[in-house]
Structure formats: C-alpha cells, structure tokens
Amino acid sequence: MTPLNHRFWTASNIVSLVRAVLTVPVVWFLLHDQPIVAMMLCFAASGTDWLDGWIARKTNTVSEWGKVLDPMADKILVGAVVVVLLWQDRLPLWFVACVVARDVIIVLGGIWARRYQTEILPSLWSGKFAVSAIALTGVVAMVTTGPAVFWLIVLSSMLMVVSLWSYGKRLYGIVR
C-alpha cells in the first residue's frame, strides 16, 4: 500500500483537480461575453481552495501530491483568467507578464529546492496572499475597468514582490 503522504487520489486532491478543471468553463464564459457567470465560477473555485486544505487537515491526508496540486490549480486558473483578460484588453500586458513570470519562477525554484529537500515544501502565506490579490484583480477586471482595477493591480504587484522575496529567501536558506 502507498504511504499516506504519497497518495494521489485523496478527497482534498480531487477538490484541487476540480478547481483546475473549472478553468475551462471560466475561460469559455469569459470568451463568450458572460463575465458574471465566469465570476461566479471563480468564487466557487476560491471556495475549493479553502476546502481542499480543510479536508486534508481534517482527514489527516495532507500529501506530497496535494502540496503540488493545490498551488498548480491556482496557477492554472489565475493564469488562464489573466491571459484572457489581457486578450480582452482588460488587464495590461506588463501585469500579466509579471503574474506569469512570478509563477514560472516559483515553479522553477520549487523544482530546484526539491534537489535539496526530501519533502515538497508547502506554499508560503505571502504567496497565498499574492495569488488571492491577483485573483481578486481578475474577478473585478471581468466586470469593470475603473480605478478599482488599477488599485488592485498595484496591491497585487506589491504582494507579488513580497512573495517572490519570501520564496527566494526560503530557497536561499535551503541551498546555502
């Protein structure tokens, strides 16, 4: 039998996979000019982000797979949404490039850290705050292009810098 911390098919991992799969209808509704439906699906997806962690802790099924699936589901959904919003001219190119670059850097850093660690490292709170701010920016940009989007872009950008610094500091401590 596979050790518990290496199991793939756990309830919490399935919830993370559902979040990643929700990307398809969210993108479809955005591309078909139904931002309210896309926004409601994004709110449902944010509920799954909370739910998967809660299930894993309650059922004692925190797994190495979950440490990968949970943040990857976030990156897939948020990345797809910001790219569509860029295409629809609702978010600036520089911001979307920063979101995508941040995610690529964090994934590559995680792969590099794995060479020095026996376990997959969990997400940092600074990263969770940053992705939440980016997601909120995307949701608001679905329905408006006013000053709220501008200030959310500013907030998201600041949190992306903080999260990259935090992940970089942790990686430096690992490889040092």
N, C-alpha and C. Protein backbone atom coordinates (compact mmCIF):
# COMPACT_ATOMS: atom_id res chain seq x y z
N MET A 1 0.84 -1.18 0.00
CA MET A 1 0.00 0.00 0.00
C MET A 1 0.89 1.25 0.00
N THR A 2 0.47 2.27 -0.75
CA THR A 2 1.21 3.51 -0.84
C THR A 2 1.12 4.27 0.47
N PRO A 3 2.26 4.81 0.95
CA PRO A 3 2.19 5.60 2.18
C PRO A 3 1.22 6.77 2.01
N LEU A 4 0.57 7.12 3.11
CA LEU A 4 -0.46 8.14 3.08
C LEU A 4 0.03 9.44 2.46
N ASN A 5 1.25 9.87 2.80
CA ASN A 5 1.70 11.16 2.31
C ASN A 5 2.09 11.16 0.83
N HIS A 6 2.01 10.01 0.16
CA HIS A 6 2.31 9.95 -1.27
C HIS A 6 1.08 9.56 -2.09
N ARG A 7 -0.08 9.46 -1.45
CA ARG A 7 -1.29 9.09 -2.18
C ARG A 7 -1.73 10.22 -3.09
N PHE A 8 -2.20 9.88 -4.26
CA PHE A 8 -2.69 10.87 -5.22
C PHE A 8 -4.19 11.07 -5.06
N TRP A 9 -4.93 9.97 -5.04
CA TRP A 9 -6.39 10.06 -5.04
C TRP A 9 -6.93 10.20 -3.63
N THR A 10 -6.83 11.42 -3.12
CA THR A 10 -7.45 11.74 -1.83
C THR A 10 -8.56 12.74 -2.12
N ALA A 11 -9.48 12.88 -1.19
CA ALA A 11 -10.60 13.81 -1.38
C ALA A 11 -10.09 15.23 -1.60
N SER A 12 -9.10 15.64 -0.84
CA SER A 12 -8.58 17.01 -0.98
C SER A 12 -7.91 17.21 -2.34
N ASN A 13 -7.21 16.22 -2.84
CA ASN A 13 -6.58 16.34 -4.16
C ASN A 13 -7.62 16.39 -5.27
N ILE A 14 -8.70 15.65 -5.10
CA ILE A 14 -9.78 15.70 -6.09
C ILE A 14 -10.39 17.10 -6.12
N VAL A 15 -10.56 17.71 -4.95
CA VAL A 15 -11.09 19.08 -4.90
C VAL A 15 -10.14 20.04 -5.62
N SER A 16 -8.82 19.87 -5.45
CA SER A 16 -7.85 20.71 -6.17
C SER A 16 -7.97 20.49 -7.67
N LEU A 17 -8.13 19.25 -8.09
CA LEU A 17 -8.29 18.96 -9.52
C LEU A 17 -9.56 19.60 -10.08
N VAL A 18 -10.62 19.59 -9.29
CA VAL A 18 -11.87 20.24 -9.72
C VAL A 18 -11.62 21.72 -9.97
N ARG A 19 -10.82 22.35 -9.10
CA ARG A 19 -10.51 23.77 -9.28
C ARG A 19 -9.78 23.98 -10.61
N ALA A 20 -8.82 23.12 -10.91
CA ALA A 20 -8.10 23.24 -12.18
C ALA A 20 -9.05 23.05 -13.36
N VAL A 21 -9.95 22.07 -13.26
CA VAL A 21 -10.91 21.80 -14.35
C VAL A 21 -11.89 22.96 -14.52
N LEU A 22 -12.21 23.67 -13.43
CA LEU A 22 -13.10 24.83 -13.52
C LEU A 22 -12.53 25.92 -14.43
N THR A 23 -11.24 25.85 -14.71
CA THR A 23 -10.62 26.81 -15.62
C THR A 23 -11.31 26.80 -16.98
N VAL A 24 -11.67 25.62 -17.46
CA VAL A 24 -12.27 25.51 -18.80
C VAL A 24 -13.58 26.29 -18.90
N PRO A 25 -14.57 26.05 -18.02
CA PRO A 25 -15.79 26.85 -18.16
C PRO A 25 -15.58 28.34 -17.85
N VAL A 26 -14.69 28.67 -16.94
CA VAL A 26 -14.43 30.09 -16.65
C VAL A 26 -13.95 30.78 -17.92
N VAL A 27 -12.96 30.19 -18.57
CA VAL A 27 -12.43 30.77 -19.81
C VAL A 27 -13.51 30.82 -20.89
N TRP A 28 -14.28 29.75 -21.01
CA TRP A 28 -15.34 29.71 -22.02
C TRP A 28 -16.34 30.84 -21.81
N PHE A 29 -16.79 31.02 -20.56
CA PHE A 29 -17.76 32.09 -20.29
C PHE A 29 -17.15 33.47 -20.50
N LEU A 30 -15.89 33.65 -20.17
CA LEU A 30 -15.24 34.94 -20.44
C LEU A 30 -15.18 35.22 -21.94
N LEU A 31 -14.80 34.20 -22.69
CA LEU A 31 -14.68 34.38 -24.14
C LEU A 31 -16.03 34.56 -24.83
N HIS A 32 -17.09 34.12 -24.18
CA HIS A 32 -18.44 34.25 -24.73
C HIS A 32 -19.24 35.37 -24.06
N ASP A 33 -18.50 36.35 -23.55
CA ASP A 33 -19.08 37.58 -23.01
C ASP A 33 -20.13 37.33 -21.93
N GLN A 34 -19.79 36.42 -21.02
CA GLN A 34 -20.64 36.15 -19.87
C GLN A 34 -19.80 36.25 -18.60
N PRO A 35 -19.31 37.47 -18.31
CA PRO A 35 -18.38 37.63 -17.18
C PRO A 35 -19.00 37.36 -15.82
N ILE A 36 -20.30 37.56 -15.67
CA ILE A 36 -20.92 37.32 -14.37
C ILE A 36 -20.89 35.83 -14.04
N VAL A 37 -21.18 34.99 -15.05
CA VAL A 37 -21.12 33.54 -14.83
C VAL A 37 -19.67 33.12 -14.54
N ALA A 38 -18.73 33.68 -15.29
CA ALA A 38 -17.32 33.38 -15.06
C ALA A 38 -16.91 33.80 -13.65
N MET A 39 -17.38 34.96 -13.22
CA MET A 39 -17.06 35.45 -11.89
C MET A 39 -17.64 34.53 -10.82
N MET A 40 -18.87 34.07 -10.99
CA MET A 40 -19.48 33.16 -10.01
C MET A 40 -18.69 31.85 -9.95
N LEU A 41 -18.23 31.36 -11.08
CA LEU A 41 -17.42 30.14 -11.08
C LEU A 41 -16.07 30.38 -10.38
N CYS A 42 -15.53 31.57 -10.54
CA CYS A 42 -14.28 31.90 -9.84
C CYS A 42 -14.49 31.92 -8.33
N PHE A 43 -15.63 32.45 -7.89
CA PHE A 43 -15.93 32.42 -6.45
C PHE A 43 -16.08 30.99 -5.96
N ALA A 44 -16.71 30.13 -6.77
CA ALA A 44 -16.83 28.72 -6.41
C ALA A 44 -15.43 28.09 -6.32
N ALA A 45 -14.58 28.43 -7.28
CA ALA A 45 -13.21 27.90 -7.27
C ALA A 45 -12.45 28.36 -6.04
N SER A 46 -12.67 29.61 -5.62
CA SER A 46 -11.97 30.08 -4.42
C SER A 46 -12.44 29.31 -3.20
N GLY A 47 -13.70 28.88 -3.20
CA GLY A 47 -14.19 28.03 -2.11
C GLY A 47 -13.48 26.69 -2.09
N THR A 48 -13.19 26.14 -3.27
CA THR A 48 -12.48 24.87 -3.32
C THR A 48 -11.05 25.02 -2.82
N ASP A 49 -10.48 26.22 -2.98
CA ASP A 49 -9.12 26.46 -2.50
C ASP A 49 -9.07 26.34 -0.98
N TRP A 50 -10.08 26.85 -0.32
CA TRP A 50 -10.17 26.72 1.13
C TRP A 50 -10.52 25.27 1.51
N LEU A 51 -11.47 24.69 0.76
CA LEU A 51 -11.99 23.37 1.09
C LEU A 51 -10.93 22.27 1.00
N ASP A 52 -10.08 22.30 -0.02
CA ASP A 52 -9.10 21.21 -0.17
C ASP A 52 -8.15 21.15 1.03
N GLY A 53 -7.70 22.31 1.50
CA GLY A 53 -6.81 22.31 2.67
C GLY A 53 -7.52 21.86 3.92
N TRP A 54 -8.76 22.30 4.08
CA TRP A 54 -9.55 21.91 5.26
C TRP A 54 -9.75 20.39 5.28
N ILE A 55 -10.11 19.82 4.13
CA ILE A 55 -10.33 18.37 4.05
C ILE A 55 -9.02 17.63 4.38
N ALA A 56 -7.92 18.08 3.79
CA ALA A 56 -6.63 17.40 4.01
C ALA A 56 -6.26 17.41 5.49
N ARG A 57 -6.47 18.54 6.16
CA ARG A 57 -6.11 18.61 7.59
C ARG A 57 -7.08 17.79 8.43
N LYS A 58 -8.38 17.88 8.14
CA LYS A 58 -9.39 17.16 8.94
C LYS A 58 -9.26 15.65 8.80
N THR A 59 -8.91 15.18 7.61
CA THR A 59 -8.83 13.74 7.37
C THR A 59 -7.41 13.21 7.49
N ASN A 60 -6.48 14.10 7.89
CA ASN A 60 -5.08 13.72 8.03
C ASN A 60 -4.53 13.11 6.73
N THR A 61 -4.89 13.74 5.62
CA THR A 61 -4.42 13.26 4.31
C THR A 61 -3.62 14.32 3.57
N VAL A 62 -2.91 15.16 4.31
CA VAL A 62 -2.00 16.11 3.65
C VAL A 62 -0.98 15.26 2.91
N SER A 63 -0.83 15.51 1.61
CA SER A 63 0.04 14.66 0.80
C SER A 63 1.05 15.49 0.02
N GLU A 64 2.08 14.82 -0.41
CA GLU A 64 3.07 15.47 -1.27
C GLU A 64 2.40 15.93 -2.57
N TRP A 65 1.50 15.10 -3.09
CA TRP A 65 0.76 15.47 -4.30
C TRP A 65 -0.07 16.72 -4.06
N GLY A 66 -0.70 16.81 -2.92
CA GLY A 66 -1.53 17.97 -2.61
C GLY A 66 -0.73 19.25 -2.55
N LYS A 67 0.52 19.14 -2.07
CA LYS A 67 1.39 20.31 -2.00
C LYS A 67 1.74 20.84 -3.39
N VAL A 68 1.59 19.97 -4.39
CA VAL A 68 1.83 20.38 -5.78
C VAL A 68 0.51 20.76 -6.45
N LEU A 69 -0.51 19.91 -6.28
CA LEU A 69 -1.78 20.13 -6.97
C LEU A 69 -2.47 21.43 -6.56
N ASP A 70 -2.49 21.73 -5.27
CA ASP A 70 -3.20 22.92 -4.79
C ASP A 70 -2.64 24.19 -5.43
N PRO A 71 -1.34 24.48 -5.31
CA PRO A 71 -0.85 25.71 -5.94
C PRO A 71 -0.88 25.66 -7.46
N MET A 72 -0.72 24.47 -8.05
CA MET A 72 -0.78 24.39 -9.52
C MET A 72 -2.19 24.68 -10.02
N ALA A 73 -3.21 24.22 -9.29
CA ALA A 73 -4.59 24.53 -9.68
C ALA A 73 -4.81 26.03 -9.64
N ASP A 74 -4.27 26.69 -8.61
CA ASP A 74 -4.36 28.15 -8.53
C ASP A 74 -3.68 28.81 -9.72
N LYS A 75 -2.47 28.35 -10.02
CA LYS A 75 -1.69 28.95 -11.11
C LYS A 75 -2.38 28.75 -12.46
N ILE A 76 -2.97 27.58 -12.66
CA ILE A 76 -3.67 27.31 -13.92
C ILE A 76 -4.88 28.23 -14.07
N LEU A 77 -5.71 28.28 -13.05
CA LEU A 77 -6.93 29.09 -13.12
C LEU A 77 -6.60 30.57 -13.22
N VAL A 78 -5.79 31.07 -12.31
CA VAL A 78 -5.48 32.50 -12.30
C VAL A 78 -4.71 32.89 -13.57
N GLY A 79 -3.77 32.06 -13.97
CA GLY A 79 -3.00 32.36 -15.19
C GLY A 79 -3.89 32.43 -16.43
N ALA A 80 -4.79 31.47 -16.55
CA ALA A 80 -5.69 31.46 -17.71
C ALA A 80 -6.59 32.69 -17.70
N VAL A 81 -7.11 33.04 -16.55
CA VAL A 81 -8.01 34.20 -16.45
C VAL A 81 -7.28 35.49 -16.82
N VAL A 82 -6.09 35.71 -16.27
CA VAL A 82 -5.40 36.96 -16.59
C VAL A 82 -4.99 37.03 -18.05
N VAL A 83 -4.66 35.89 -18.66
CA VAL A 83 -4.32 35.89 -20.09
C VAL A 83 -5.55 36.24 -20.93
N VAL A 84 -6.69 35.68 -20.59
CA VAL A 84 -7.93 36.03 -21.32
C VAL A 84 -8.25 37.51 -21.12
N LEU A 85 -8.09 38.00 -19.90
CA LEU A 85 -8.38 39.42 -19.64
C LEU A 85 -7.39 40.34 -20.36
N LEU A 86 -6.17 39.89 -20.55
CA LEU A 86 -5.21 40.63 -21.37
C LEU A 86 -5.71 40.66 -22.81
N TRP A 87 -6.10 39.52 -23.31
CA TRP A 87 -6.59 39.41 -24.69
C TRP A 87 -7.81 40.30 -24.90
N GLN A 88 -8.64 40.43 -23.86
CA GLN A 88 -9.83 41.28 -23.93
C GLN A 88 -9.50 42.75 -23.60
N ASP A 89 -8.23 43.05 -23.42
CA ASP A 89 -7.77 44.40 -23.13
C ASP A 89 -8.32 44.93 -21.81
N ARG A 90 -8.46 44.03 -20.83
CA ARG A 90 -8.96 44.43 -19.51
C ARG A 90 -7.83 44.48 -18.47
N LEU A 91 -6.69 43.90 -18.80
CA LEU A 91 -5.50 43.98 -17.94
C LEU A 91 -4.30 44.32 -18.81
N PRO A 92 -3.35 45.07 -18.26
CA PRO A 92 -2.17 45.45 -19.05
C PRO A 92 -1.19 44.29 -19.23
N LEU A 93 -0.48 44.33 -20.35
CA LEU A 93 0.50 43.29 -20.66
C LEU A 93 1.55 43.16 -19.57
N TRP A 94 2.08 44.27 -19.06
CA TRP A 94 3.14 44.19 -18.06
C TRP A 94 2.68 43.43 -16.81
N PHE A 95 1.42 43.64 -16.42
CA PHE A 95 0.90 42.97 -15.23
C PHE A 95 0.77 41.47 -15.46
N VAL A 96 0.19 41.10 -16.60
CA VAL A 96 0.03 39.67 -16.92
C VAL A 96 1.40 39.01 -17.05
N ALA A 97 2.36 39.70 -17.65
CA ALA A 97 3.71 39.15 -17.77
C ALA A 97 4.32 38.92 -16.38
N CYS A 98 4.08 39.85 -15.45
CA CYS A 98 4.58 39.69 -14.09
C CYS A 98 3.93 38.50 -13.38
N VAL A 99 2.63 38.34 -13.57
CA VAL A 99 1.92 37.20 -12.96
C VAL A 99 2.50 35.89 -13.48
N VAL A 100 2.62 35.78 -14.79
CA VAL A 100 3.12 34.54 -15.40
C VAL A 100 4.58 34.31 -15.00
N ALA A 101 5.40 35.36 -15.05
CA ALA A 101 6.82 35.22 -14.69
C ALA A 101 6.97 34.79 -13.23
N ARG A 102 6.17 35.38 -12.34
CA ARG A 102 6.23 35.01 -10.93
C ARG A 102 5.94 33.53 -10.75
N ASP A 103 4.89 33.06 -11.43
CA ASP A 103 4.53 31.64 -11.30
C ASP A 103 5.62 30.73 -11.85
N VAL A 104 6.20 31.09 -12.98
CA VAL A 104 7.28 30.29 -13.57
C VAL A 104 8.49 30.26 -12.62
N ILE A 105 8.83 31.41 -12.07
CA ILE A 105 9.98 31.48 -11.14
C ILE A 105 9.72 30.62 -9.91
N ILE A 106 8.51 30.69 -9.36
CA ILE A 106 8.20 29.89 -8.16
C ILE A 106 8.24 28.40 -8.48
N VAL A 107 7.71 27.99 -9.62
CA VAL A 107 7.73 26.57 -10.00
C VAL A 107 9.18 26.11 -10.20
N LEU A 108 9.97 26.88 -10.93
CA LEU A 108 11.37 26.50 -11.15
C LEU A 108 12.15 26.48 -9.83
N GLY A 109 11.87 27.44 -8.96
CA GLY A 109 12.52 27.44 -7.64
C GLY A 109 12.14 26.21 -6.84
N GLY A 110 10.87 25.81 -6.93
CA GLY A 110 10.41 24.61 -6.24
C GLY A 110 11.10 23.36 -6.76
N ILE A 111 11.28 23.30 -8.06
CA ILE A 111 11.98 22.16 -8.67
C ILE A 111 13.44 22.13 -8.19
N TRP A 112 14.06 23.29 -8.16
CA TRP A 112 15.44 23.37 -7.70
C TRP A 112 15.54 23.00 -6.22
N ALA A 113 14.62 23.51 -5.40
CA ALA A 113 14.63 23.20 -3.96
C ALA A 113 14.45 21.70 -3.73
N ARG A 114 13.70 21.06 -4.59
CA ARG A 114 13.44 19.61 -4.45
C ARG A 114 14.73 18.80 -4.51
N ARG A 115 15.73 19.34 -5.18
CA ARG A 115 17.03 18.65 -5.24
C ARG A 115 17.68 18.58 -3.88
N TYR A 116 17.33 19.50 -2.98
CA TYR A 116 17.96 19.60 -1.67
C TYR A 116 17.05 19.14 -0.53
N GLN A 117 15.79 18.88 -0.83
CA GLN A 117 14.81 18.53 0.19
C GLN A 117 14.23 17.14 -0.11
N THR A 118 13.86 16.43 0.94
CA THR A 118 13.21 15.14 0.74
C THR A 118 11.70 15.31 0.58
N GLU A 119 11.16 16.41 1.12
CA GLU A 119 9.73 16.67 1.01
C GLU A 119 9.49 17.89 0.15
N ILE A 120 8.32 17.94 -0.45
CA ILE A 120 7.90 19.12 -1.20
C ILE A 120 7.51 20.18 -0.19
N LEU A 121 8.00 21.37 -0.39
CA LEU A 121 7.72 22.46 0.54
C LEU A 121 6.33 23.02 0.31
N PRO A 122 5.63 23.36 1.36
CA PRO A 122 4.29 23.94 1.20
C PRO A 122 4.36 25.38 0.71
N SER A 123 3.25 25.87 0.21
CA SER A 123 3.15 27.27 -0.19
C SER A 123 3.35 28.17 1.02
N LEU A 124 3.87 29.36 0.78
CA LEU A 124 4.04 30.35 1.84
C LEU A 124 2.81 31.24 1.89
N TRP A 125 2.53 31.81 3.06
CA TRP A 125 1.39 32.70 3.20
C TRP A 125 1.51 33.91 2.29
N SER A 126 2.71 34.40 2.10
CA SER A 126 2.89 35.55 1.20
C SER A 126 2.45 35.20 -0.22
N GLY A 127 2.69 33.97 -0.62
CA GLY A 127 2.26 33.52 -1.94
C GLY A 127 0.75 33.39 -2.02
N LYS A 128 0.16 32.89 -0.94
CA LYS A 128 -1.31 32.77 -0.91
C LYS A 128 -1.98 34.14 -0.96
N PHE A 129 -1.41 35.11 -0.25
CA PHE A 129 -1.96 36.47 -0.30
C PHE A 129 -1.82 37.06 -1.70
N ALA A 130 -0.65 36.83 -2.31
CA ALA A 130 -0.42 37.38 -3.65
C ALA A 130 -1.40 36.77 -4.66
N VAL A 131 -1.57 35.46 -4.64
CA VAL A 131 -2.46 34.84 -5.62
C VAL A 131 -3.91 35.23 -5.35
N SER A 132 -4.26 35.45 -4.10
CA SER A 132 -5.61 35.91 -3.78
C SER A 132 -5.85 37.31 -4.33
N ALA A 133 -4.86 38.18 -4.18
CA ALA A 133 -4.98 39.54 -4.71
C ALA A 133 -5.04 39.54 -6.23
N ILE A 134 -4.24 38.69 -6.86
CA ILE A 134 -4.27 38.58 -8.32
C ILE A 134 -5.63 38.07 -8.77
N ALA A 135 -6.15 37.06 -8.07
CA ALA A 135 -7.47 36.51 -8.41
C ALA A 135 -8.56 37.58 -8.25
N LEU A 136 -8.49 38.33 -7.17
CA LEU A 136 -9.47 39.40 -6.96
C LEU A 136 -9.36 40.45 -8.06
N THR A 137 -8.14 40.78 -8.44
CA THR A 137 -7.93 41.72 -9.55
C THR A 137 -8.60 41.21 -10.81
N GLY A 138 -8.41 39.92 -11.10
CA GLY A 138 -9.02 39.33 -12.29
C GLY A 138 -10.53 39.35 -12.23
N VAL A 139 -11.09 39.00 -11.09
CA VAL A 139 -12.55 38.97 -10.95
C VAL A 139 -13.14 40.37 -11.13
N VAL A 140 -12.51 41.36 -10.51
CA VAL A 140 -13.01 42.73 -10.65
C VAL A 140 -12.84 43.21 -12.09
N ALA A 141 -11.72 42.86 -12.72
CA ALA A 141 -11.48 43.26 -14.12
C ALA A 141 -12.47 42.60 -15.08
N MET A 142 -13.10 41.51 -14.66
CA MET A 142 -14.11 40.87 -15.52
C MET A 142 -15.32 41.79 -15.72
N VAL A 143 -15.58 42.63 -14.72
CA VAL A 143 -16.83 43.41 -14.77
C VAL A 143 -16.62 44.92 -14.84
N THR A 144 -15.39 45.40 -14.65
CA THR A 144 -15.15 46.84 -14.71
C THR A 144 -13.71 47.11 -15.12
N THR A 145 -13.47 48.33 -15.58
CA THR A 145 -12.10 48.74 -15.90
C THR A 145 -11.75 50.02 -15.14
N GLY A 146 -12.47 50.32 -14.09
CA GLY A 146 -12.31 51.57 -13.35
C GLY A 146 -11.12 51.57 -12.42
N PRO A 147 -11.10 52.55 -11.52
CA PRO A 147 -9.97 52.72 -10.60
C PRO A 147 -9.77 51.54 -9.66
N ALA A 148 -10.81 50.78 -9.38
CA ALA A 148 -10.65 49.61 -8.50
C ALA A 148 -9.65 48.63 -9.10
N VAL A 149 -9.72 48.44 -10.42
CA VAL A 149 -8.77 47.53 -11.07
C VAL A 149 -7.35 48.07 -10.96
N PHE A 150 -7.19 49.37 -11.17
CA PHE A 150 -5.86 49.99 -11.04
C PHE A 150 -5.27 49.72 -9.66
N TRP A 151 -6.02 49.99 -8.60
CA TRP A 151 -5.51 49.83 -7.25
C TRP A 151 -5.30 48.37 -6.89
N LEU A 152 -6.11 47.49 -7.44
CA LEU A 152 -5.88 46.05 -7.21
C LEU A 152 -4.62 45.58 -7.93
N ILE A 153 -4.35 46.14 -9.10
CA ILE A 153 -3.10 45.83 -9.80
C ILE A 153 -1.91 46.28 -8.96
N VAL A 154 -2.01 47.48 -8.37
CA VAL A 154 -0.93 47.99 -7.51
C VAL A 154 -0.73 47.05 -6.32
N LEU A 155 -1.83 46.71 -5.64
CA LEU A 155 -1.75 45.81 -4.48
C LEU A 155 -1.17 44.46 -4.89
N SER A 156 -1.68 43.89 -5.97
CA SER A 156 -1.20 42.58 -6.43
C SER A 156 0.28 42.63 -6.76
N SER A 157 0.71 43.70 -7.40
CA SER A 157 2.12 43.83 -7.77
C SER A 157 3.01 43.88 -6.53
N MET A 158 2.58 44.64 -5.53
CA MET A 158 3.36 44.71 -4.29
C MET A 158 3.42 43.34 -3.61
N LEU A 159 2.29 42.64 -3.58
CA LEU A 159 2.28 41.32 -2.95
C LEU A 159 3.09 40.30 -3.75
N MET A 160 3.13 40.44 -5.07
CA MET A 160 3.97 39.54 -5.88
C MET A 160 5.44 39.74 -5.53
N VAL A 161 5.85 41.00 -5.34
CA VAL A 161 7.25 41.28 -4.96
C VAL A 161 7.55 40.66 -3.61
N VAL A 162 6.65 40.86 -2.64
CA VAL A 162 6.86 40.29 -1.30
C VAL A 162 6.93 38.77 -1.37
N SER A 163 6.04 38.15 -2.15
CA SER A 163 6.04 36.69 -2.21
C SER A 163 7.30 36.16 -2.89
N LEU A 164 7.74 36.82 -3.96
CA LEU A 164 8.97 36.37 -4.61
C LEU A 164 10.16 36.52 -3.67
N TRP A 165 10.20 37.60 -2.91
CA TRP A 165 11.27 37.78 -1.94
C TRP A 165 11.23 36.66 -0.90
N SER A 166 10.03 36.33 -0.40
CA SER A 166 9.88 35.28 0.62
C SER A 166 10.31 33.92 0.08
N TYR A 167 9.85 33.59 -1.14
CA TYR A 167 10.24 32.31 -1.73
C TYR A 167 11.74 32.28 -2.01
N GLY A 168 12.28 33.41 -2.47
CA GLY A 168 13.72 33.48 -2.73
C GLY A 168 14.53 33.32 -1.46
N LYS A 169 14.07 33.94 -0.39
CA LYS A 169 14.75 33.82 0.91
C LYS A 169 14.73 32.37 1.39
N ARG A 170 13.55 31.71 1.24
CA ARG A 170 13.47 30.31 1.66
C ARG A 170 14.39 29.44 0.80
N LEU A 171 14.40 29.67 -0.49
CA LEU A 171 15.25 28.89 -1.38
C LEU A 171 16.73 29.10 -1.06
N TYR A 172 17.10 30.34 -0.80
CA TYR A 172 18.48 30.65 -0.43
C TYR A 172 18.89 29.89 0.83
N GLY A 173 17.99 29.85 1.81
CA GLY A 173 18.27 29.10 3.05
C GLY A 173 18.43 27.61 2.82
N ILE A 174 17.72 27.09 1.84
CA ILE A 174 17.78 25.66 1.55
C ILE A 174 19.08 25.29 0.86
N VAL A 175 19.46 26.05 -0.15
CA VAL A 175 20.63 25.69 -0.95
C VAL A 175 21.94 26.14 -0.33
N ARG A 176 21.84 27.01 0.66
CA ARG A 176 23.03 27.52 1.33
C ARG A 176 23.67 26.53 2.20
